[in-house]
Amino acid sequence: MYARLFALLLASAPLAAAAQDEEEIYPVAPAPPRLYLTAWGGALVDTGGQFPAAGFGGAEVAWAFDALDVGVLAQGYRLGDRARTPWTPVILGRILQRFETRRGLEATLGIGIGAGRTDHWIGWFQFAVGLRIYEGPLFIAGEFGFEQLDLFRISAGIGARF
């Protein structure tokens, strides 16, 4: 009896080895979206109280890494007497750190450095804190922060990720 069991075990050894060589195929998760396009609009409040609030609008293109977005933000500010033209162009390079708070909701913390043209081109900075609410490839964003010229920025945006 032991001889038959031993012979059966020897005969099945090559089959067991062949079964171990087969690779198991697991489904591959799709790559997360990397390109973010956002349209921004909002108000700029002068914290010094010398000028009335100003409106702005613009667009942002960003590339998303695992938890960091790197992008370019181009905006037009309606600064009135503080600028030579009715619309002041501002271009910023931005870095945003993303924090997932809940499924479909992220908090952001960002800094932007660039240039804006009031009477002449000057250096421009921005520090912003915000939220993004995702629904599929679309999202709604909101931010508040501080900018050059003692401006408090309150903004809302709508965007898509690809």
Protein backbone atom coordinates (compact mmCIF):
# COMPACT_ATOMS: atom_id res chain seq x y z
CA MET A 1 0.00 0.00 0.00
CA TYR A 2 2.79 2.42 0.84
CA ALA A 3 4.50 1.54 -2.42
CA ARG A 4 1.41 2.52 -4.43
CA LEU A 5 1.03 5.81 -2.54
CA PHE A 6 4.72 6.57 -3.06
CA ALA A 7 4.43 5.77 -6.79
CA LEU A 8 1.36 8.05 -7.09
CA LEU A 9 3.21 10.84 -5.29
CA LEU A 10 6.23 10.48 -7.61
CA ALA A 11 4.00 10.48 -10.68
CA SER A 12 2.16 13.67 -9.59
CA ALA A 13 5.32 15.64 -8.72
CA PRO A 14 5.93 16.88 -12.32
CA LEU A 15 2.28 18.00 -12.57
CA ALA A 16 2.56 19.94 -9.32
CA ALA A 17 5.77 21.62 -10.50
CA ALA A 18 4.15 22.58 -13.80
CA ALA A 19 1.18 24.10 -11.97
CA GLN A 20 3.49 26.29 -9.88
CA ASP A 21 5.18 27.70 -12.99
CA GLU A 22 1.92 29.14 -14.30
CA GLU A 23 1.57 32.85 -13.58
CA GLU A 24 -1.63 34.09 -12.06
CA ILE A 25 -3.09 37.04 -13.94
CA TYR A 26 -4.41 39.88 -11.82
CA PRO A 27 -6.43 42.74 -13.28
CA VAL A 28 -4.32 45.87 -13.74
CA ALA A 29 -5.76 49.04 -12.26
CA PRO A 30 -6.12 51.88 -14.76
CA ALA A 31 -3.64 54.73 -14.44
CA PRO A 32 -4.99 57.66 -12.43
CA PRO A 33 -5.78 60.87 -14.34
CA ARG A 34 -2.72 63.11 -14.60
CA LEU A 35 -3.80 66.23 -16.51
CA TYR A 36 -5.98 68.75 -14.65
CA LEU A 37 -7.70 71.68 -16.41
CA THR A 38 -9.46 74.26 -14.22
CA ALA A 39 -11.36 77.50 -14.93
CA TRP A 40 -11.15 79.96 -11.99
CA GLY A 41 -13.13 83.04 -11.02
CA GLY A 42 -13.66 85.05 -7.86
CA ALA A 43 -12.92 88.19 -5.90
CA LEU A 44 -9.84 89.89 -4.49
CA VAL A 45 -10.31 91.89 -1.31
CA ASP A 46 -7.71 94.55 -0.41
CA THR A 47 -6.69 93.82 3.20
CA GLY A 48 -5.26 97.34 3.49
CA GLY A 49 -8.70 98.85 2.88
CA GLN A 50 -7.39 101.42 0.37
CA PHE A 51 -9.06 99.98 -2.74
CA PRO A 52 -12.41 98.30 -3.45
CA ALA A 53 -12.68 94.60 -4.11
CA ALA A 54 -11.59 93.39 -7.54
CA GLY A 55 -12.76 90.52 -9.70
CA PHE A 56 -10.66 88.03 -11.61
CA GLY A 57 -10.91 85.09 -13.98
CA GLY A 58 -8.43 82.65 -15.39
CA ALA A 59 -7.41 79.10 -16.21
CA GLU A 60 -4.96 76.57 -14.85
CA VAL A 61 -3.24 73.59 -16.44
CA ALA A 62 -1.56 71.16 -14.02
CA TRP A 63 0.14 67.79 -14.09
CA ALA A 64 -0.70 65.55 -11.13
CA PHE A 65 1.84 63.32 -9.45
CA ASP A 66 0.91 60.97 -6.59
CA ALA A 67 0.07 63.72 -4.07
CA LEU A 68 1.42 66.86 -5.73
CA ASP A 69 0.19 69.02 -8.64
CA VAL A 70 2.57 71.20 -10.66
CA GLY A 71 0.97 73.69 -13.02
CA VAL A 72 0.66 77.11 -14.62
CA LEU A 73 -2.10 79.54 -13.65
CA ALA A 74 -2.90 82.46 -15.99
CA GLN A 75 -5.40 85.05 -14.76
CA GLY A 76 -6.73 88.51 -15.52
CA TYR A 77 -7.34 90.82 -12.52
CA ARG A 78 -9.58 93.88 -12.62
CA LEU A 79 -7.51 96.07 -10.26
CA GLY A 80 -8.85 99.50 -11.28
CA ASP A 81 -6.58 102.41 -10.23
CA ARG A 82 -3.75 100.12 -9.15
CA ALA A 83 -2.96 99.11 -12.75
CA ARG A 84 -2.31 100.83 -16.04
CA THR A 85 -4.84 98.73 -18.00
CA PRO A 86 -8.37 97.60 -17.09
CA TRP A 87 -7.26 93.94 -16.91
CA THR A 88 -3.98 93.04 -15.21
CA PRO A 89 -2.37 89.82 -16.45
CA VAL A 90 -0.91 87.52 -13.77
CA ILE A 91 0.98 84.32 -14.58
CA LEU A 92 2.02 81.94 -11.81
CA GLY A 93 3.80 78.64 -11.56
CA ARG A 94 1.96 76.72 -8.84
CA ILE A 95 2.68 73.70 -6.68
CA LEU A 96 -0.27 72.17 -4.80
CA GLN A 97 -0.08 69.46 -2.18
CA ARG A 98 -3.24 67.31 -2.15
CA PHE A 99 -4.64 65.54 0.91
CA GLU A 100 -7.51 63.07 0.49
CA THR A 101 -9.93 63.77 3.33
CA ARG A 102 -12.83 61.56 2.26
CA ARG A 103 -13.66 59.64 -0.85
CA GLY A 104 -14.23 62.21 -3.58
CA LEU A 105 -13.02 65.15 -1.43
CA GLU A 106 -9.49 66.55 -1.27
CA ALA A 107 -7.92 69.42 0.62
CA THR A 108 -5.17 71.43 -1.10
CA LEU A 109 -2.35 73.62 0.09
CA GLY A 110 -0.53 75.59 -2.58
CA ILE A 111 2.06 78.20 -3.33
CA GLY A 112 2.45 80.16 -6.55
CA ILE A 113 5.32 82.30 -7.79
CA GLY A 114 5.29 84.35 -10.98
CA ALA A 115 4.72 87.84 -12.36
CA GLY A 116 1.92 90.36 -12.75
CA ARG A 117 1.70 93.63 -14.63
CA THR A 118 0.34 96.63 -12.75
CA ASP A 119 2.25 99.74 -13.95
CA HIS A 120 5.13 97.45 -14.93
CA TRP A 121 5.92 93.75 -14.48
CA ILE A 122 6.50 92.86 -10.83
CA GLY A 123 7.09 89.62 -8.96
CA TRP A 124 3.89 87.97 -7.75
CA PHE A 125 3.29 85.40 -5.04
CA GLN A 126 0.28 83.44 -3.88
CA PHE A 127 -0.46 81.20 -0.90
CA ALA A 128 -3.76 79.29 -1.08
CA VAL A 129 -5.76 76.69 0.85
CA GLY A 130 -8.67 74.91 -0.81
CA LEU A 131 -10.99 71.95 -1.40
CA ARG A 132 -11.89 69.84 -4.42
CA ILE A 133 -15.05 67.77 -4.76
CA TYR A 134 -14.83 65.06 -7.43
CA GLU A 135 -17.62 63.50 -9.45
CA GLY A 136 -16.03 61.22 -12.02
CA PRO A 137 -13.63 63.17 -14.24
CA LEU A 138 -15.17 66.54 -13.25
CA PHE A 139 -14.56 68.50 -10.07
CA ILE A 140 -15.55 71.69 -8.29
CA ALA A 141 -12.83 73.59 -6.45
CA GLY A 142 -12.74 76.43 -3.96
CA GLU A 143 -9.76 78.35 -2.59
CA PHE A 144 -8.92 81.23 -0.34
CA GLY A 145 -5.51 82.73 0.20
CA PHE A 146 -3.20 85.71 0.10
CA GLU A 147 -1.48 87.36 -2.86
CA GLN A 148 0.79 90.22 -3.82
CA LEU A 149 -0.49 93.80 -3.16
CA ASP A 150 -2.09 92.69 0.15
CA LEU A 151 -4.93 90.90 -1.64
CA PHE A 152 -7.12 88.26 -0.01
CA ARG A 153 -8.24 85.82 -2.72
CA ILE A 154 -11.62 84.05 -2.65
CA SER A 155 -12.13 81.82 -5.68
CA ALA A 156 -14.22 79.03 -7.14
CA GLY A 157 -13.39 76.80 -10.05
CA ILE A 158 -14.70 74.01 -12.20
CA GLY A 159 -12.43 71.54 -13.87
CA ALA A 160 -11.79 68.20 -15.47
CA ARG A 161 -9.07 65.60 -15.12
CA PHE A 162 -7.77 63.41 -17.91
